[in-house]
Amino acid sequence: MSLVDDVRREGAGEEGRSGRYACRNCGSPLGKNYERCPECSGEDVAPIEEVIAPEFTE
């Protein structure tokens, strides 16, 4: 199973996806919109829908 599948499964059943973000540099899913990614210190944090395209499958 891939990270994409894990993120989608975790998000299933949530009322909305607001508050779901990911780092564009390393792809780490984040619970909120950080200034810097806690994993890689990257500054490119965006809504998860923009980082992991819904049409992407592995």
C-alpha atoms as a PDB file:
ATOM      1  CA  MET A   1       0.000   0.000   0.000  1.00  0.00           C
ATOM      2  CA  SER A   2       1.291   3.460  -0.827  1.00  0.00           C
ATOM      3  CA  LEU A   3       1.377   6.717   1.115  1.00  0.00           C
ATOM      4  CA  VAL A   4      -1.382   8.029  -1.152  1.00  0.00           C
ATOM      5  CA  ASP A   5      -3.658   5.146  -0.166  1.00  0.00           C
ATOM      6  CA  ASP A   6      -2.846   5.684   3.513  1.00  0.00           C
ATOM      7  CA  VAL A   7      -3.685   9.389   3.334  1.00  0.00           C
ATOM      8  CA  ARG A   8      -6.930   8.742   1.471  1.00  0.00           C
ATOM      9  CA  ARG A   9      -7.978   6.048   3.946  1.00  0.00           C
ATOM     10  CA  GLU A  10      -7.212   8.285   6.945  1.00  0.00           C
ATOM     11  CA  GLY A  11      -9.298  11.054   5.381  1.00  0.00           C
ATOM     12  CA  ALA A  12     -12.294   8.827   4.633  1.00  0.00           C
ATOM     13  CA  GLY A  13     -15.241   9.694   6.819  1.00  0.00           C
ATOM     14  CA  GLU A  14     -13.997  13.144   7.764  1.00  0.00           C
ATOM     15  CA  GLU A  15     -16.553  15.909   7.403  1.00  0.00           C
ATOM     16  CA  GLY A  16     -14.231  18.098   5.394  1.00  0.00           C
ATOM     17  CA  ARG A  17     -10.675  18.146   4.337  1.00  0.00           C
ATOM     18  CA  SER A  18      -9.914  21.571   5.744  1.00  0.00           C
ATOM     19  CA  GLY A  19      -6.906  21.310   7.983  1.00  0.00           C
ATOM     20  CA  ARG A  20      -5.331  18.588   5.818  1.00  0.00           C
ATOM     21  CA  TYR A  21      -1.998  19.703   4.414  1.00  0.00           C
ATOM     22  CA  ALA A  22       1.177  18.159   3.019  1.00  0.00           C
ATOM     23  CA  CYS A  23       4.708  19.247   2.271  1.00  0.00           C
ATOM     24  CA  ARG A  24       5.458  19.604  -1.441  1.00  0.00           C
ATOM     25  CA  ASN A  25       9.158  18.907  -0.797  1.00  0.00           C
ATOM     26  CA  CYS A  26       8.963  15.563   1.021  1.00  0.00           C
ATOM     27  CA  GLY A  27       5.249  14.680   0.681  1.00  0.00           C
ATOM     28  CA  SER A  28       4.676  14.273   4.430  1.00  0.00           C
ATOM     29  CA  PRO A  29       1.002  14.630   5.401  1.00  0.00           C
ATOM     30  CA  LEU A  30       0.448  17.310   8.051  1.00  0.00           C
ATOM     31  CA  GLY A  31      -2.482  18.048  10.323  1.00  0.00           C
ATOM     32  CA  LYS A  32      -2.291  21.799   9.932  1.00  0.00           C
ATOM     33  CA  ASN A  33      -0.747  24.532   7.805  1.00  0.00           C
ATOM     34  CA  TYR A  34       2.759  24.901   9.218  1.00  0.00           C
ATOM     35  CA  GLU A  35       5.154  27.666   8.193  1.00  0.00           C
ATOM     36  CA  ARG A  36       7.821  24.957   7.779  1.00  0.00           C
ATOM     37  CA  CYS A  37       7.484  21.206   7.432  1.00  0.00           C
ATOM     38  CA  PRO A  38       8.506  19.503  10.699  1.00  0.00           C
ATOM     39  CA  GLU A  39       9.999  16.593   8.712  1.00  0.00           C
ATOM     40  CA  CYS A  40      12.265  18.320   6.185  1.00  0.00           C
ATOM     41  CA  SER A  41      12.051  22.037   7.174  1.00  0.00           C
ATOM     42  CA  GLY A  42      10.705  22.837   3.708  1.00  0.00           C
ATOM     43  CA  GLU A  43       8.658  26.012   3.371  1.00  0.00           C
ATOM     44  CA  ASP A  44       6.266  24.721   0.689  1.00  0.00           C
ATOM     45  CA  VAL A  45       3.271  23.433   2.687  1.00  0.00           C
ATOM     46  CA  ALA A  46      -0.015  23.291   0.763  1.00  0.00           C
ATOM     47  CA  PRO A  47      -3.476  21.700   0.974  1.00  0.00           C
ATOM     48  CA  ILE A  48      -3.081  17.970   0.487  1.00  0.00           C
ATOM     49  CA  GLU A  49      -5.335  18.021  -2.601  1.00  0.00           C
ATOM     50  CA  GLU A  50      -2.746  20.188  -4.364  1.00  0.00           C
ATOM     51  CA  VAL A  51       0.165  17.952  -3.368  1.00  0.00           C
ATOM     52  CA  ILE A  52      -1.358  14.517  -4.076  1.00  0.00           C
ATOM     53  CA  ALA A  53      -3.545  14.681  -7.170  1.00  0.00           C
ATOM     54  CA  PRO A  54      -6.787  12.651  -6.862  1.00  0.00           C
ATOM     55  CA  GLU A  55      -6.165  10.973 -10.217  1.00  0.00           C
ATOM     56  CA  PHE A  56      -2.798   9.619  -9.034  1.00  0.00           C
ATOM     57  CA  THR A  57      -2.678   5.889  -8.333  1.00  0.00           C
ATOM     58  CA  GLU A  58       0.156   3.498  -7.827  1.00  0.00           C
END
